[in-house]
Amino acid sequence: MTTQSLKFLCAGALVLGLGACSVTEWTLPGGSEDQLAFDRQECRSLARREADRILKRQPLPQPDAGPLIGSEYDAAMARYDLSRQIDRMFVSCMENRGYRRSSRSLFD
């Protein structure tokens, strides 16, 4: 592959990657910006409290337990899983309050 072809390939991949970027917006028919800010904060707090409750029942693995590489990986994956759970709880809370998600391009 020539240098010129590689440049075009990289530029094309960059354009496609940036085109896929989007922002999630929450809408509530008849809702105000103040109500959105309040509900967003309430749902984030609710999701974090639930995550804390989950952590009390099942703490994250500690990297000093077991082989170094495996335990660090386990801890990182557990943190990732917990962050995904928090996101799902937040989305569920917002949808239960009547909000709907919509996405728009980051560059609109």
C-alpha atoms as a PDB file:
ATOM      1  CA  MET A   1       0.000   0.000   0.000  1.00  0.00           C
ATOM      2  CA  THR A   2       1.392   3.405  -0.926  1.00  0.00           C
ATOM      3  CA  THR A   3       1.743   6.290   1.489  1.00  0.00           C
ATOM      4  CA  GLN A   4      -0.885   8.256  -0.440  1.00  0.00           C
ATOM      5  CA  SER A   5      -3.397   5.393  -0.188  1.00  0.00           C
ATOM      6  CA  LEU A   6      -2.703   5.043   3.513  1.00  0.00           C
ATOM      7  CA  LYS A   7      -3.343   8.775   4.038  1.00  0.00           C
ATOM      8  CA  PHE A   8      -6.698   8.548   2.241  1.00  0.00           C
ATOM      9  CA  LEU A   9      -7.642   5.453   4.215  1.00  0.00           C
ATOM     10  CA  CYS A  10      -6.818   7.155   7.528  1.00  0.00           C
ATOM     11  CA  ALA A  11      -8.674  10.323   6.518  1.00  0.00           C
ATOM     12  CA  GLY A  12     -11.723   8.274   5.548  1.00  0.00           C
ATOM     13  CA  ALA A  13     -11.659   6.376   8.833  1.00  0.00           C
ATOM     14  CA  LEU A  14     -11.400   9.669  10.729  1.00  0.00           C
ATOM     15  CA  VAL A  15     -14.383  11.151   8.871  1.00  0.00           C
ATOM     16  CA  LEU A  16     -16.472   8.031   9.518  1.00  0.00           C
ATOM     17  CA  GLY A  17     -15.448   7.950  13.169  1.00  0.00           C
ATOM     18  CA  LEU A  18     -16.290  11.594  13.772  1.00  0.00           C
ATOM     19  CA  GLY A  19     -19.563  11.224  11.894  1.00  0.00           C
ATOM     20  CA  ALA A  20     -20.621   8.538  14.345  1.00  0.00           C
ATOM     21  CA  CYS A  21     -20.216  10.900  17.324  1.00  0.00           C
ATOM     22  CA  SER A  22     -23.522  11.905  18.810  1.00  0.00           C
ATOM     23  CA  VAL A  23     -24.928  13.528  21.917  1.00  0.00           C
ATOM     24  CA  THR A  24     -27.855  12.108  23.872  1.00  0.00           C
ATOM     25  CA  GLU A  25     -30.546  14.623  24.724  1.00  0.00           C
ATOM     26  CA  TRP A  26     -33.498  14.080  27.042  1.00  0.00           C
ATOM     27  CA  THR A  27     -36.891  15.541  26.162  1.00  0.00           C
ATOM     28  CA  LEU A  28     -40.112  15.731  28.139  1.00  0.00           C
ATOM     29  CA  PRO A  29     -43.192  17.143  26.426  1.00  0.00           C
ATOM     30  CA  GLY A  30     -44.115  20.303  28.304  1.00  0.00           C
ATOM     31  CA  GLY A  31     -41.055  20.032  30.554  1.00  0.00           C
ATOM     32  CA  SER A  32     -38.757  22.939  31.370  1.00  0.00           C
ATOM     33  CA  GLU A  33     -34.965  23.110  31.477  1.00  0.00           C
ATOM     34  CA  ASP A  34     -35.161  23.487  35.267  1.00  0.00           C
ATOM     35  CA  GLN A  35     -37.260  20.330  35.530  1.00  0.00           C
ATOM     36  CA  LEU A  36     -34.799  18.466  33.298  1.00  0.00           C
ATOM     37  CA  ALA A  37     -31.843  19.577  35.441  1.00  0.00           C
ATOM     38  CA  PHE A  38     -33.658  18.571  38.638  1.00  0.00           C
ATOM     39  CA  ASP A  39     -34.738  15.169  37.303  1.00  0.00           C
ATOM     40  CA  ARG A  40     -31.300  14.467  35.847  1.00  0.00           C
ATOM     41  CA  GLN A  41     -29.679  15.182  39.230  1.00  0.00           C
ATOM     42  CA  GLU A  42     -32.272  13.107  41.084  1.00  0.00           C
ATOM     43  CA  CYS A  43     -31.806  10.140  38.749  1.00  0.00           C
ATOM     44  CA  ARG A  44     -27.993  10.346  38.982  1.00  0.00           C
ATOM     45  CA  SER A  45     -28.239  10.420  42.786  1.00  0.00           C
ATOM     46  CA  LEU A  46     -30.652   7.500  42.801  1.00  0.00           C
ATOM     47  CA  ALA A  47     -28.363   5.456  40.534  1.00  0.00           C
ATOM     48  CA  ARG A  48     -25.316   6.208  42.704  1.00  0.00           C
ATOM     49  CA  ARG A  49     -27.144   5.295  45.911  1.00  0.00           C
ATOM     50  CA  GLU A  50     -28.210   2.011  44.353  1.00  0.00           C
ATOM     51  CA  ALA A  51     -24.622   1.371  43.223  1.00  0.00           C
ATOM     52  CA  ASP A  52     -23.401   2.007  46.779  1.00  0.00           C
ATOM     53  CA  ARG A  53     -25.981  -0.480  48.037  1.00  0.00           C
ATOM     54  CA  ILE A  54     -24.748  -3.048  45.502  1.00  0.00           C
ATOM     55  CA  LEU A  55     -21.131  -2.449  46.566  1.00  0.00           C
ATOM     56  CA  LYS A  56     -21.993  -3.049  50.215  1.00  0.00           C
ATOM     57  CA  ARG A  57     -23.449  -6.450  49.319  1.00  0.00           C
ATOM     58  CA  GLN A  58     -20.723  -7.376  46.846  1.00  0.00           C
ATOM     59  CA  PRO A  59     -17.503  -5.307  47.117  1.00  0.00           C
ATOM     60  CA  LEU A  60     -15.261  -4.828  44.102  1.00  0.00           C
ATOM     61  CA  PRO A  61     -12.362  -7.296  43.882  1.00  0.00           C
ATOM     62  CA  GLN A  62      -9.124  -5.904  45.304  1.00  0.00           C
ATOM     63  CA  PRO A  63      -6.019  -5.956  43.068  1.00  0.00           C
ATOM     64  CA  ASP A  64      -3.825  -7.360  45.846  1.00  0.00           C
ATOM     65  CA  ALA A  65      -5.765 -10.649  45.928  1.00  0.00           C
ATOM     66  CA  GLY A  66      -4.453 -13.376  43.667  1.00  0.00           C
ATOM     67  CA  PRO A  67      -2.087 -12.984  40.731  1.00  0.00           C
ATOM     68  CA  LEU A  68      -1.337  -9.327  40.012  1.00  0.00           C
ATOM     69  CA  ILE A  69      -2.493  -9.242  36.390  1.00  0.00           C
ATOM     70  CA  GLY A  70      -5.690 -11.227  36.895  1.00  0.00           C
ATOM     71  CA  SER A  71      -6.815  -9.353  39.975  1.00  0.00           C
ATOM     72  CA  GLU A  72      -6.216  -5.943  38.359  1.00  0.00           C
ATOM     73  CA  TYR A  73      -8.213  -7.097  35.350  1.00  0.00           C
ATOM     74  CA  ASP A  74     -11.026  -8.393  37.560  1.00  0.00           C
ATOM     75  CA  ALA A  75     -11.175  -5.103  39.475  1.00  0.00           C
ATOM     76  CA  ALA A  76     -11.186  -3.061  36.257  1.00  0.00           C
ATOM     77  CA  MET A  77     -13.960  -5.193  34.752  1.00  0.00           C
ATOM     78  CA  ALA A  78     -16.013  -4.972  37.951  1.00  0.00           C
ATOM     79  CA  ARG A  79     -15.692  -1.151  37.919  1.00  0.00           C
ATOM     80  CA  TYR A  80     -16.725  -1.110  34.258  1.00  0.00           C
ATOM     81  CA  ASP A  81     -19.722  -3.362  34.952  1.00  0.00           C
ATOM     82  CA  LEU A  82     -20.769  -1.145  37.851  1.00  0.00           C
ATOM     83  CA  SER A  83     -20.534   1.999  35.714  1.00  0.00           C
ATOM     84  CA  ARG A  84     -22.731   0.319  33.086  1.00  0.00           C
ATOM     85  CA  GLN A  85     -25.258  -0.591  35.792  1.00  0.00           C
ATOM     86  CA  ILE A  86     -25.283   3.023  36.999  1.00  0.00           C
ATOM     87  CA  ASP A  87     -25.918   4.211  33.430  1.00  0.00           C
ATOM     88  CA  ARG A  88     -28.781   1.717  32.994  1.00  0.00           C
ATOM     89  CA  MET A  89     -30.346   2.762  36.309  1.00  0.00           C
ATOM     90  CA  PHE A  90     -30.095   6.431  35.299  1.00  0.00           C
ATOM     91  CA  VAL A  91     -31.729   5.778  31.919  1.00  0.00           C
ATOM     92  CA  SER A  92     -34.484   3.718  33.530  1.00  0.00           C
ATOM     93  CA  CYS A  93     -35.175   6.483  36.073  1.00  0.00           C
ATOM     94  CA  MET A  94     -35.383   9.170  33.377  1.00  0.00           C
ATOM     95  CA  GLU A  95     -37.667   7.038  31.204  1.00  0.00           C
ATOM     96  CA  ASN A  96     -39.906   6.273  34.205  1.00  0.00           C
ATOM     97  CA  ARG A  97     -40.309  10.032  34.666  1.00  0.00           C
ATOM     98  CA  GLY A  98     -41.560  10.335  31.094  1.00  0.00           C
ATOM     99  CA  TYR A  99     -38.391  11.479  29.342  1.00  0.00           C
ATOM    100  CA  ARG A 100     -37.402  10.194  25.932  1.00  0.00           C
ATOM    101  CA  ARG A 101     -33.886   9.974  24.565  1.00  0.00           C
ATOM    102  CA  SER A 102     -32.901  11.442  21.252  1.00  0.00           C
ATOM    103  CA  SER A 103     -29.493  11.649  19.663  1.00  0.00           C
ATOM    104  CA  ARG A 104     -28.070  14.382  17.530  1.00  0.00           C
ATOM    105  CA  SER A 105     -24.728  14.711  15.829  1.00  0.00           C
ATOM    106  CA  LEU A 106     -22.030  16.302  17.923  1.00  0.00           C
ATOM    107  CA  PHE A 107     -21.322  18.664  15.031  1.00  0.00           C
ATOM    108  CA  ASP A 108     -24.853  19.976  14.359  1.00  0.00           C
END
